[in-house]
Amino acid sequence: MTPVDSLPLQLLYIFDPLCGWCYGTSPVVQRLADEFAGRVSVTVLSGGMITGDETGPIRQMWPYIQQASQQVAQVTGVEFGEAFRQLGAAGEYHLDSEPPSRALMVFKQLDPLEREAAFAHALQRAHFVDGQDLNDPSTYAGLAKEFSLDPAEFLRWWHNDASRQATQHEFGVVQRLGVQGYPTLVLAHGSQGYVLARGYQPYEQMKEGLEQLLQMISAEATQ
């Protein structure tokens, strides 16, 4: 029987940059990434919640987003800034998951420190707190600088067709996993996947669930 520690353990955080409940979940995932470092690696996958024909002005979704953001803030404690509320109320902002998902894809290629959970949350804070345009390259130049990456190099990658193709491929991977909603967290061990959470869970609950899964996998490996 293969020892549990000989196979990689990955916590797949399946999210979308425009998903409010994901924004509430990202700080939890960051804490898990820090606390379980050395035991479990965290991989963030973008699902492409709003793409293709579903993209469009925020005004179409704003009443729902406004109501949902209040609930997300109340339950998770994350902040939705006045700049974001003004962006939504103006109604012109174009909702499209692809550009920020592509930025995360680029970050995963360029960052040597495995900080993708932190970058995913920084992306969302830029939008949901600061009201920044996630379709605007300058947003990513600023984020690259924040993470000590070269902004010009980051944008070269972001504009590259290969990055667009890789992002579409990742959307396809998530679709093939059968994910029904965001956020979803799956603990992957070899070819096996164990669902940790569908939707938001507070940190202590998520941590307990992850510990239980790790114990179960360890027990199965010794049988």
Protein backbone atom coordinates (compact mmCIF):
# COMPACT_ATOMS: atom_id res chain seq x y z
CA MET A 1 0.00 0.00 0.00
CA THR A 2 1.31 3.46 -0.91
CA PRO A 3 2.00 5.64 2.16
CA VAL A 4 -0.23 8.70 2.39
CA ASP A 5 2.75 11.05 2.48
CA SER A 6 4.15 9.68 -0.80
CA LEU A 7 1.23 11.10 -2.79
CA PRO A 8 0.65 14.84 -3.17
CA LEU A 9 -2.23 16.29 -1.18
CA GLN A 10 -3.82 19.29 -2.86
CA LEU A 11 -6.66 21.42 -1.62
CA LEU A 12 -8.44 22.59 -4.75
CA TYR A 13 -10.18 25.91 -4.15
CA ILE A 14 -12.62 26.25 -7.03
CA PHE A 15 -13.79 29.83 -7.20
CA ASP A 16 -14.61 32.74 -9.45
CA PRO A 17 -13.18 36.26 -9.05
CA LEU A 18 -16.68 37.78 -9.40
CA CYS A 19 -18.29 35.46 -6.85
CA GLY A 20 -19.19 37.26 -3.62
CA TRP A 21 -19.32 34.10 -1.51
CA CYS A 22 -15.87 33.22 -2.85
CA TYR A 23 -14.68 36.63 -1.67
CA GLY A 24 -15.97 35.70 1.78
CA THR A 25 -14.28 32.30 1.58
CA SER A 26 -10.85 33.40 0.33
CA PRO A 27 -9.58 34.58 3.77
CA VAL A 28 -10.53 31.15 5.17
CA VAL A 29 -8.56 29.44 2.40
CA GLN A 30 -5.58 31.72 3.06
CA ARG A 31 -5.56 30.66 6.72
CA LEU A 32 -5.78 27.00 5.74
CA ALA A 33 -2.90 27.46 3.28
CA ASP A 34 -0.78 28.97 6.06
CA GLU A 35 -1.71 26.50 8.79
CA PHE A 36 -1.47 23.36 6.66
CA ALA A 37 1.67 24.41 4.78
CA GLY A 38 3.91 21.39 4.38
CA ARG A 39 0.96 19.02 4.66
CA VAL A 40 -1.38 20.27 1.94
CA SER A 41 -0.74 22.58 -1.00
CA VAL A 42 -3.51 24.94 -2.11
CA THR A 43 -4.38 25.26 -5.78
CA VAL A 44 -6.91 27.89 -6.88
CA LEU A 45 -8.96 27.04 -9.97
CA SER A 46 -11.16 29.59 -11.75
CA GLY A 47 -14.50 28.29 -12.93
CA GLY A 48 -15.62 30.95 -15.40
CA MET A 49 -18.91 31.87 -13.72
CA ILE A 50 -19.67 34.76 -16.10
CA THR A 51 -18.31 34.21 -19.60
CA GLY A 52 -19.42 34.25 -23.23
CA ASP A 53 -23.04 35.25 -23.72
CA GLU A 54 -23.49 35.70 -19.97
CA THR A 55 -21.17 38.73 -19.81
CA GLY A 56 -22.76 42.14 -19.76
CA PRO A 57 -23.34 45.38 -17.84
CA ILE A 58 -23.55 45.06 -14.07
CA ARG A 59 -26.90 46.89 -14.06
CA GLN A 60 -28.63 43.65 -15.08
CA MET A 61 -27.38 41.88 -11.95
CA TRP A 62 -26.97 44.79 -9.56
CA PRO A 63 -30.16 44.34 -7.48
CA TYR A 64 -29.20 40.71 -6.82
CA ILE A 65 -25.50 41.52 -6.22
CA GLN A 66 -26.40 44.34 -3.84
CA GLN A 67 -28.64 42.09 -1.76
CA ALA A 68 -26.22 39.15 -1.83
CA SER A 69 -23.24 41.30 -0.86
CA GLN A 70 -25.05 42.45 2.28
CA GLN A 71 -25.63 38.81 3.25
CA VAL A 72 -22.04 37.83 2.45
CA ALA A 73 -20.70 40.68 4.60
CA GLN A 74 -23.00 39.78 7.48
CA VAL A 75 -22.14 36.06 7.43
CA THR A 76 -18.41 36.14 6.58
CA GLY A 77 -17.24 39.53 7.87
CA VAL A 78 -15.64 40.70 4.62
CA GLU A 79 -16.01 44.32 3.55
CA PHE A 80 -17.71 45.66 0.43
CA GLY A 81 -16.44 49.16 -0.15
CA GLU A 82 -18.25 52.33 -1.11
CA ALA A 83 -16.26 52.44 -4.37
CA PHE A 84 -17.72 49.04 -5.33
CA ARG A 85 -21.24 50.18 -4.46
CA GLN A 86 -20.78 53.26 -6.63
CA LEU A 87 -19.49 51.08 -9.47
CA GLY A 88 -22.57 48.88 -9.27
CA ALA A 89 -25.02 51.76 -8.95
CA ALA A 90 -23.56 53.43 -12.05
CA GLY A 91 -24.49 50.29 -13.97
CA GLU A 92 -21.87 50.47 -16.74
CA TYR A 93 -19.26 48.04 -15.43
CA HIS A 94 -18.88 45.00 -17.72
CA LEU A 95 -19.08 41.71 -15.81
CA ASP A 96 -16.67 39.16 -17.29
CA SER A 97 -14.88 36.44 -15.32
CA GLU A 98 -12.24 35.81 -17.97
CA PRO A 99 -9.86 38.79 -17.51
CA PRO A 100 -9.36 38.35 -13.73
CA SER A 101 -9.21 34.56 -14.11
CA ARG A 102 -6.48 35.09 -16.70
CA ALA A 103 -4.63 37.34 -14.24
CA LEU A 104 -4.69 34.54 -11.67
CA MET A 105 -3.45 32.11 -14.33
CA VAL A 106 -0.53 34.45 -15.07
CA PHE A 107 0.23 34.86 -11.38
CA LYS A 108 0.45 31.09 -10.95
CA GLN A 109 3.05 31.00 -13.73
CA LEU A 110 5.17 33.87 -12.43
CA ASP A 111 5.03 33.60 -8.65
CA PRO A 112 7.62 31.25 -7.09
CA LEU A 113 6.19 31.41 -3.57
CA GLU A 114 2.85 29.56 -3.95
CA ARG A 115 0.81 32.61 -2.95
CA GLU A 116 -2.12 32.04 -5.30
CA ALA A 117 -4.72 32.00 -2.49
CA ALA A 118 -3.47 35.41 -1.36
CA PHE A 119 -3.51 36.75 -4.92
CA ALA A 120 -7.04 35.44 -5.49
CA HIS A 121 -8.22 37.40 -2.45
CA ALA A 122 -6.25 40.50 -3.51
CA LEU A 123 -8.02 40.35 -6.89
CA GLN A 124 -11.36 40.31 -5.16
CA ARG A 125 -10.48 43.08 -2.72
CA ALA A 126 -9.43 45.26 -5.66
CA HIS A 127 -12.93 44.85 -7.05
CA PHE A 128 -15.24 44.46 -4.06
CA VAL A 129 -13.52 47.02 -1.80
CA ASP A 130 -11.71 49.45 -4.09
CA GLY A 131 -14.15 49.28 -7.02
CA GLN A 132 -11.35 48.65 -9.50
CA ASP A 133 -12.07 47.55 -13.05
CA LEU A 134 -11.03 43.89 -13.50
CA ASN A 135 -11.10 44.39 -17.28
CA ASP A 136 -8.42 47.10 -17.07
CA PRO A 137 -4.75 46.03 -17.41
CA SER A 138 -3.66 48.78 -15.02
CA THR A 139 -5.45 46.93 -12.21
CA TYR A 140 -3.10 43.98 -12.72
CA ALA A 141 -0.02 46.15 -13.01
CA GLY A 142 -0.80 47.43 -9.53
CA LEU A 143 -1.45 43.95 -8.14
CA ALA A 144 1.76 42.59 -9.68
CA LYS A 145 3.72 45.37 -7.98
CA GLU A 146 1.96 44.60 -4.68
CA PHE A 147 3.27 41.01 -4.92
CA SER A 148 6.78 42.14 -5.95
CA LEU A 149 6.38 40.94 -9.54
CA ASP A 150 7.43 42.97 -12.56
CA PRO A 151 4.26 44.78 -13.83
CA ALA A 152 5.43 44.95 -17.45
CA GLU A 153 6.23 41.24 -17.54
CA PHE A 154 2.93 40.43 -15.87
CA LEU A 155 0.99 42.38 -18.51
CA ARG A 156 2.94 40.77 -21.35
CA TRP A 157 1.80 37.42 -20.06
CA TRP A 158 -1.74 38.67 -19.45
CA HIS A 159 -2.09 39.88 -23.06
CA ASN A 160 -0.63 36.63 -24.46
CA ASP A 161 -2.91 34.27 -26.37
CA ALA A 162 -1.33 31.31 -24.58
CA SER A 163 -2.61 32.72 -21.27
CA ARG A 164 -6.09 33.10 -22.75
CA GLN A 165 -6.02 29.50 -23.94
CA ALA A 166 -4.74 28.24 -20.58
CA THR A 167 -7.56 30.09 -18.82
CA GLN A 168 -10.18 28.54 -21.10
CA HIS A 169 -8.59 25.14 -20.45
CA GLU A 170 -8.93 25.70 -16.70
CA PHE A 171 -12.61 26.59 -17.13
CA GLY A 172 -12.99 23.29 -18.95
CA VAL A 173 -11.22 21.38 -16.18
CA VAL A 174 -13.62 22.80 -13.59
CA GLN A 175 -16.59 21.93 -15.82
CA ARG A 176 -15.37 18.34 -16.17
CA LEU A 177 -15.04 18.10 -12.39
CA GLY A 178 -18.80 18.60 -12.25
CA VAL A 179 -18.67 21.61 -9.95
CA GLN A 180 -22.19 22.90 -9.39
CA GLY A 181 -21.43 26.19 -7.67
CA TYR A 182 -18.81 28.46 -6.15
CA PRO A 183 -16.97 28.20 -3.90
CA THR A 184 -16.24 24.47 -3.82
CA LEU A 185 -13.26 22.94 -2.01
CA VAL A 186 -11.97 19.48 -2.85
CA LEU A 187 -9.08 17.63 -1.23
CA ALA A 188 -7.29 15.77 -4.03
CA HIS A 189 -5.13 12.75 -3.18
CA GLY A 190 -3.67 11.01 -6.19
CA SER A 191 -6.63 10.24 -8.47
CA GLN A 192 -9.16 10.59 -5.63
CA GLY A 193 -11.12 13.70 -4.72
CA TYR A 194 -12.94 14.36 -1.44
CA VAL A 195 -15.36 17.28 -1.20
CA LEU A 196 -14.49 19.43 1.80
CA ALA A 197 -17.09 22.16 1.30
CA ARG A 198 -19.73 23.41 -1.08
CA GLY A 199 -20.36 27.04 -0.28
CA TYR A 200 -19.00 29.17 2.55
CA GLN A 201 -17.94 27.64 5.86
CA PRO A 202 -16.23 29.46 8.73
CA TYR A 203 -12.57 28.72 9.39
CA GLU A 204 -12.94 26.41 12.41
CA GLN A 205 -15.51 24.27 10.60
CA MET A 206 -13.37 24.09 7.46
CA LYS A 207 -10.25 23.28 9.48
CA GLU A 208 -12.02 20.47 11.36
CA GLY A 209 -13.35 19.02 8.12
CA LEU A 210 -9.91 19.09 6.52
CA GLU A 211 -8.33 17.37 9.54
CA GLN A 212 -10.98 14.65 9.37
CA LEU A 213 -10.33 14.07 5.67
CA LEU A 214 -6.59 13.85 6.26
CA GLN A 215 -7.13 11.31 9.03
CA MET A 216 -9.45 9.27 6.81
CA ILE A 217 -6.94 9.24 3.95
CA SER A 218 -4.16 8.25 6.32
CA ALA A 219 -6.27 5.41 7.74
CA GLU A 220 -7.17 4.16 4.25
CA ALA A 221 -3.50 4.15 3.25
CA THR A 222 -2.54 1.90 6.16
CA GLN A 223 -5.25 -0.69 5.55
